[in-house]
Protein backbone atom coordinates (compact mmCIF):
# COMPACT_ATOMS: atom_id res chain seq x y z
CA UNK A 1 0.00 0.00 0.00
CA UNK A 2 1.47 3.34 -1.03
CA UNK A 3 2.25 5.83 1.75
CA UNK A 4 -0.36 8.30 2.97
CA UNK A 5 1.25 10.21 5.79
CA UNK A 6 1.65 13.58 7.45
CA UNK A 7 5.01 15.30 7.89
CA UNK A 8 4.82 17.81 10.75
CA UNK A 9 7.21 20.65 9.93
CA UNK A 10 5.71 23.00 12.51
CA UNK A 11 3.20 21.82 15.09
CA UNK A 12 1.39 25.11 14.99
CA UNK A 13 2.19 27.03 18.14
CA UNK A 14 -0.20 29.98 18.23
CA UNK A 15 2.88 32.11 18.92
CA UNK A 16 6.28 30.92 17.61
CA UNK A 17 8.52 29.98 20.54
CA UNK A 18 11.88 28.37 21.07
CA UNK A 19 10.03 25.09 21.58
CA UNK A 20 7.69 25.09 18.60
CA UNK A 21 7.37 26.53 15.10
CA UNK A 22 4.21 27.90 13.49
CA UNK A 23 1.81 25.84 11.40
CA UNK A 24 3.18 23.88 8.44
CA UNK A 25 2.60 20.32 7.36
CA UNK A 26 3.26 18.27 4.26
CA UNK A 27 0.73 15.64 3.26
CA UNK A 28 2.29 12.79 1.29
CA UNK A 29 -0.12 10.70 -0.72
CA UNK A 30 0.82 8.19 -3.44
CA UNK A 31 4.05 9.92 -4.36
CA UNK A 32 2.71 13.50 -4.34
CA UNK A 33 3.43 16.18 -1.74
CA UNK A 34 1.00 18.90 -0.64
CA UNK A 35 1.90 21.60 1.89
CA UNK A 36 -0.80 22.80 4.26
CA UNK A 37 -0.07 26.20 5.79
CA UNK A 38 3.33 27.77 5.41
CA UNK A 39 4.64 29.41 8.57
CA UNK A 40 7.99 31.14 8.99
CA UNK A 41 10.97 28.93 8.18
CA UNK A 42 9.02 26.57 5.95
CA UNK A 43 11.84 26.25 3.43
CA UNK A 44 14.33 25.37 6.19
CA UNK A 45 12.01 22.79 7.72
CA UNK A 46 11.28 21.29 4.32
CA UNK A 47 14.99 20.85 3.70
CA UNK A 48 15.49 19.31 7.15
CA UNK A 49 12.68 16.85 6.50
CA UNK A 50 14.49 15.40 3.48
CA UNK A 51 11.36 15.68 1.35
CA UNK A 52 11.78 16.42 -2.34
CA UNK A 53 11.27 20.07 -3.26
CA UNK A 54 10.39 19.02 -6.80
CA UNK A 55 7.50 16.81 -5.72
CA UNK A 56 5.78 19.66 -3.87
CA UNK A 57 3.39 21.19 -6.37
CA UNK A 58 0.58 22.69 -4.27
CA UNK A 59 0.45 24.82 -1.11
CA UNK A 60 -2.84 25.27 0.75
CA UNK A 61 -3.24 28.24 3.12
CA UNK A 62 -6.06 28.16 5.67
CA UNK A 63 -6.16 31.90 6.44
CA UNK A 64 -4.02 35.01 6.43
CA UNK A 65 -2.75 35.23 9.98
CA UNK A 66 1.02 35.43 9.78
CA UNK A 67 1.78 32.19 11.59
CA UNK A 68 0.09 30.35 8.72
CA UNK A 69 1.50 32.17 5.69
CA UNK A 70 4.63 34.23 6.50
CA UNK A 71 6.86 31.48 5.12
CA UNK A 72 5.28 31.56 1.67
CA UNK A 73 7.51 34.11 -0.04
CA UNK A 74 10.59 32.43 1.43
CA UNK A 75 9.72 29.04 0.03
CA UNK A 76 8.85 30.58 -3.35
CA UNK A 77 12.27 32.27 -3.39
CA UNK A 78 14.09 29.08 -2.37
CA UNK A 79 12.42 27.11 -5.15
CA UNK A 80 13.60 29.74 -7.63
CA UNK A 81 17.18 29.63 -6.34
CA UNK A 82 17.14 25.84 -6.70
CA UNK A 83 16.21 26.13 -10.37
CA UNK A 84 12.60 25.05 -10.21
CA UNK A 85 10.79 25.05 -13.56
CA UNK A 86 7.49 23.34 -12.73
CA UNK A 87 4.53 25.58 -11.78
CA UNK A 88 3.71 26.07 -8.10
CA UNK A 89 0.03 26.29 -7.20
CA UNK A 90 -1.06 28.42 -4.24
CA UNK A 91 -4.57 27.83 -2.86
CA UNK A 92 -5.65 30.52 -0.40
CA UNK A 93 -8.36 33.06 0.42
CA UNK A 94 -8.68 35.72 -2.30
CA UNK A 95 -7.26 38.46 -0.03
CA UNK A 96 -3.80 36.91 -0.38
CA UNK A 97 -3.67 37.41 -4.15
CA UNK A 98 -2.75 41.14 -4.26
CA UNK A 99 -0.23 40.75 -1.42
CA UNK A 100 1.45 37.82 -3.15
CA UNK A 101 1.52 39.64 -6.49
CA UNK A 102 3.08 42.69 -4.82
CA UNK A 103 5.80 40.56 -3.23
CA UNK A 104 6.58 38.77 -6.47
CA UNK A 105 6.84 42.09 -8.29
CA UNK A 106 8.88 43.80 -5.58
CA UNK A 107 11.40 41.05 -4.92
CA UNK A 108 11.62 39.24 -8.24
CA UNK A 109 9.99 41.46 -10.87
CA UNK A 110 7.94 38.31 -11.58
CA UNK A 111 11.10 36.58 -12.83
CA UNK A 112 11.76 33.64 -10.53
CA UNK A 113 12.20 31.05 -13.25
CA UNK A 114 8.87 29.29 -12.87
CA UNK A 115 5.17 30.08 -12.76
CA UNK A 116 3.23 30.74 -9.55
CA UNK A 117 -0.47 30.08 -10.08
CA UNK A 118 -2.92 31.45 -7.53
CA UNK A 119 -6.26 29.73 -6.87
CA UNK A 120 -8.78 31.60 -4.71
CA UNK A 121 -10.44 29.52 -1.99
CA UNK A 122 -14.04 30.20 -1.01
CA UNK A 123 -13.92 29.71 2.75
CA UNK A 124 -17.73 29.62 3.04
CA UNK A 125 -18.29 26.44 1.00
CA UNK A 126 -17.29 22.82 1.25
CA UNK A 127 -16.18 21.93 -2.24
CA UNK A 128 -13.50 19.98 -4.08
CA UNK A 129 -10.68 22.31 -5.17
CA UNK A 130 -8.16 19.71 -6.33
CA UNK A 131 -8.55 16.31 -7.94
CA UNK A 132 -6.30 13.80 -9.66
CA UNK A 133 -6.57 10.08 -10.44
CA UNK A 134 -5.93 9.08 -6.82
CA UNK A 135 -7.00 11.93 -4.54
CA UNK A 136 -9.47 14.74 -3.92
CA UNK A 137 -8.93 17.77 -1.68
CA UNK A 138 -11.91 19.76 -0.49
CA UNK A 139 -12.39 22.78 1.70
CA UNK A 140 -13.87 22.69 5.21
CA UNK A 141 -15.46 26.03 6.24
CA UNK A 142 -14.15 27.05 9.66
CA UNK A 143 -14.99 29.93 12.01
CA UNK A 144 -12.10 32.18 12.99
CA UNK A 145 -11.51 35.91 13.32
CA UNK A 146 -11.02 36.13 9.56
CA UNK A 147 -12.07 33.93 6.61
CA UNK A 148 -10.64 30.48 7.19
CA UNK A 149 -10.95 27.01 5.68
CA UNK A 150 -9.55 23.64 6.58
CA UNK A 151 -8.70 20.97 4.04
CA UNK A 152 -9.96 17.42 3.64
CA UNK A 153 -7.79 14.89 1.79
CA UNK A 154 -9.55 11.77 0.52
CA UNK A 155 -8.06 8.88 -1.38
CA UNK A 156 -10.17 7.62 -4.24
CA UNK A 157 -11.29 3.97 -4.03
CA UNK A 158 -8.47 1.59 -4.74
CA UNK A 159 -8.52 -1.38 -7.07
CA UNK A 160 -8.71 -4.91 -5.63
CA UNK A 161 -5.61 -7.03 -5.13
CA UNK A 162 -4.84 -9.75 -7.65
CA UNK A 163 -4.58 -13.25 -6.23
CA UNK A 164 -1.29 -14.35 -7.69
CA UNK A 165 -1.93 -17.98 -6.72
CA UNK A 166 -5.11 -18.04 -8.82
CA UNK A 167 -3.47 -16.27 -11.76
CA UNK A 168 -0.70 -18.87 -11.77
CA UNK A 169 -3.05 -21.81 -11.29
CA UNK A 170 -5.22 -20.87 -14.28
CA UNK A 171 -2.32 -19.64 -16.40
CA UNK A 172 -3.92 -16.24 -16.92
CA UNK A 173 -1.63 -13.93 -18.97
CA UNK A 174 -0.39 -10.76 -17.32
CA UNK A 175 -2.02 -8.74 -20.11
CA UNK A 176 -5.39 -9.52 -18.49
CA UNK A 177 -4.54 -8.36 -14.98
CA UNK A 178 -5.71 -4.76 -15.45
CA UNK A 179 -9.02 -6.01 -16.87
CA UNK A 180 -9.48 -8.30 -13.89
CA UNK A 181 -8.70 -5.47 -11.45
CA UNK A 182 -11.32 -3.39 -13.24
CA UNK A 183 -13.98 -6.03 -12.53
CA UNK A 184 -13.84 -8.60 -15.29
CA UNK A 185 -13.58 -12.36 -14.94
CA UNK A 186 -11.58 -14.61 -17.28
CA UNK A 187 -12.60 -17.24 -19.82
CA UNK A 188 -10.34 -20.31 -20.07
CA UNK A 189 -9.60 -22.01 -23.39
CA UNK A 190 -12.11 -24.79 -22.60
CA UNK A 191 -14.89 -22.24 -22.09
CA UNK A 192 -14.81 -22.27 -18.27
CA UNK A 193 -15.53 -18.83 -16.82
CA UNK A 194 -13.52 -17.83 -13.77
CA UNK A 195 -15.45 -15.12 -11.89
CA UNK A 196 -13.78 -11.88 -10.91
CA UNK A 197 -14.36 -12.49 -7.21
CA UNK A 198 -12.27 -15.67 -7.33
CA UNK A 199 -9.28 -13.86 -8.81
CA UNK A 200 -8.99 -10.93 -6.39
CA UNK A 201 -9.09 -9.98 -2.75
CA UNK A 202 -10.87 -6.80 -1.61
CA UNK A 203 -9.13 -3.46 -2.06
CA UNK A 204 -7.73 -1.58 0.90
CA UNK A 205 -10.16 0.97 2.28
CA UNK A 206 -9.51 4.54 1.02
CA UNK A 207 -7.82 6.72 3.65
CA UNK A 208 -8.67 10.28 4.64
CA UNK A 209 -7.17 13.21 6.54
CA UNK A 210 -8.79 16.42 7.76
CA UNK A 211 -6.80 19.52 8.73
CA UNK A 212 -8.78 21.98 10.88
CA UNK A 213 -6.87 25.02 12.07
CA UNK A 214 -7.74 27.72 13.24
CA UNK A 215 -11.33 27.63 14.40
CA UNK A 216 -13.62 28.05 17.33
CA UNK A 217 -15.48 24.93 18.42
CA UNK A 218 -18.16 24.14 15.83
CA UNK A 219 -20.65 21.56 17.18
CA UNK A 220 -21.76 20.63 13.65
CA UNK A 221 -18.26 20.32 12.19
CA UNK A 222 -18.25 16.56 12.61
CA UNK A 223 -20.90 16.23 9.89
CA UNK A 224 -18.40 17.49 7.29
CA UNK A 225 -15.73 14.95 8.26
CA UNK A 226 -17.69 11.92 9.46
CA UNK A 227 -15.69 8.70 9.29
CA UNK A 228 -12.35 10.47 8.90
CA UNK A 229 -9.27 8.33 9.51
CA UNK A 230 -7.05 11.05 10.96
CA UNK A 231 -8.14 14.48 12.19
CA UNK A 232 -5.81 17.36 12.98
CA UNK A 233 -7.76 19.88 15.06
CA UNK A 234 -6.34 22.93 16.73
CA UNK A 235 -6.13 22.77 20.54
CA UNK A 236 -4.89 26.20 21.55
CA UNK A 237 -6.16 26.09 25.12
CA UNK A 238 -7.02 23.83 28.01
CA UNK A 239 -10.50 24.02 29.52
CA UNK A 240 -9.45 26.53 32.20
CA UNK A 241 -8.95 29.04 29.36
CA UNK A 242 -12.22 28.29 27.61
CA UNK A 243 -13.23 31.95 27.76
CA UNK A 244 -10.07 32.89 25.87
CA UNK A 245 -10.92 30.26 23.27
CA UNK A 246 -14.33 31.83 22.79
CA UNK A 247 -12.91 35.36 22.67
CA UNK A 248 -10.20 34.60 20.12
CA UNK A 249 -12.12 32.01 18.05
CA UNK A 250 -9.94 29.08 19.02
CA UNK A 251 -10.68 25.66 20.52
CA UNK A 252 -9.75 23.75 23.62
CA UNK A 253 -8.22 20.29 23.48
CA UNK A 254 -11.38 18.82 24.97
CA UNK A 255 -13.47 20.46 22.25
CA UNK A 256 -11.15 19.05 19.58
CA UNK A 257 -11.64 15.62 21.12
CA UNK A 258 -15.41 16.07 21.03
CA UNK A 259 -15.26 16.79 17.29
CA UNK A 260 -13.18 13.64 16.77
CA UNK A 261 -15.60 11.56 18.83
CA UNK A 262 -18.68 12.91 17.06
CA UNK A 263 -17.04 12.35 13.66
CA UNK A 264 -16.21 8.76 14.55
CA UNK A 265 -12.59 9.49 13.68
CA UNK A 266 -9.91 6.87 14.18
CA UNK A 267 -7.11 9.19 15.30
CA UNK A 268 -6.86 12.77 16.59
CA UNK A 269 -3.78 14.99 16.32
CA UNK A 270 -3.52 18.08 18.50
CA UNK A 271 -1.60 21.25 17.63
CA UNK A 272 -1.58 25.06 17.55
CA UNK A 273 -0.69 25.26 21.23
CA UNK A 274 -0.80 28.48 23.18
CA UNK A 275 2.68 29.62 24.19
CA UNK A 276 1.51 29.63 27.82
CA UNK A 277 1.97 25.84 27.97
CA UNK A 278 5.47 24.62 28.69
CA UNK A 279 4.13 21.08 28.77
CA UNK A 280 1.32 20.23 26.36
CA UNK A 281 0.46 17.05 28.26
CA UNK A 282 -2.25 19.03 30.04
CA UNK A 283 -3.96 19.35 26.64
CA UNK A 284 -3.38 15.70 25.81
CA UNK A 285 -4.79 14.52 29.13
CA UNK A 286 -7.95 16.59 28.72
CA UNK A 287 -8.52 15.35 25.17
CA UNK A 288 -7.99 11.71 26.07
CA UNK A 289 -10.84 11.88 28.58
CA UNK A 290 -13.18 12.27 25.61
CA UNK A 291 -11.21 10.62 22.78
CA UNK A 292 -8.52 8.17 23.96
CA UNK A 293 -6.71 7.78 20.61
CA UNK A 294 -5.31 11.33 20.74
CA UNK A 295 -1.72 12.40 20.11
CA UNK A 296 0.33 15.58 20.41
CA UNK A 297 2.13 16.79 17.29
CA UNK A 298 5.76 17.85 17.34
CA UNK A 299 8.22 19.08 14.75
CA UNK A 300 9.65 16.45 12.39
CA UNK A 301 7.12 13.79 13.31
CA UNK A 302 5.92 11.57 10.48
CA UNK A 303 2.43 10.19 11.09
CA UNK A 304 0.69 7.53 9.02
CA UNK A 305 -2.91 8.35 8.16
């Protein structure tokens, strides 16, 4: 099964500290890389991760607070210095477009050696904004102090696995394997029909990942991500700071856990910690009371979806 995993470049501290970096992740799915949020130092963290710069073709920005997008012009510049020629696609709220254009004009006079394509994200709708043969990415409307959207990565259904023992037993030529995977059976020379179901085992279940940062607690959010395999949900505060969460449109770790529980998620990742916490285990402990399969994120972690 091809990898579908999350590379945590910055675990999303609400205020960059010596312990944590701002929000930035890379989603790896079937050989492609997608960056979600692009905090300060993204190009350095990407290099440290060992991930291929060339394979990163799309960057998705949730909203325009600096800890989620200040690294964008740096990574664009680094790609240019490294001789990139493939287009880079930026998906973000429309308000970023004129700021990005101004930076490109000011620093590079639009001549960085490759094309930067901007795609405006409607933060009020849940809709597919990227699709290829193996994956869809759709927006998740969130509620923050400015327009904000999360992103939902879904694998498309996989093909069943060929039973090599049956292929060998019936002497089926390899030229027929793709047809069998697509649902066909096979007719032997003597007219015997071998049904499709006898030649395959069921496909692996498609995997999914939802990235939700930043947002206040939305009781109905679970409906948009029901059945998700892995959920990243911001957990800026513990319950004793619930009033601050309400005031600043953030969530507590317990609220993040409630979303995961209601969505019937398999795994919850916490992040976007307030700088007030020197030990995030207080957040983890609160979340686990509601959703036991909860984990803290930290820089340079690699997490399988």
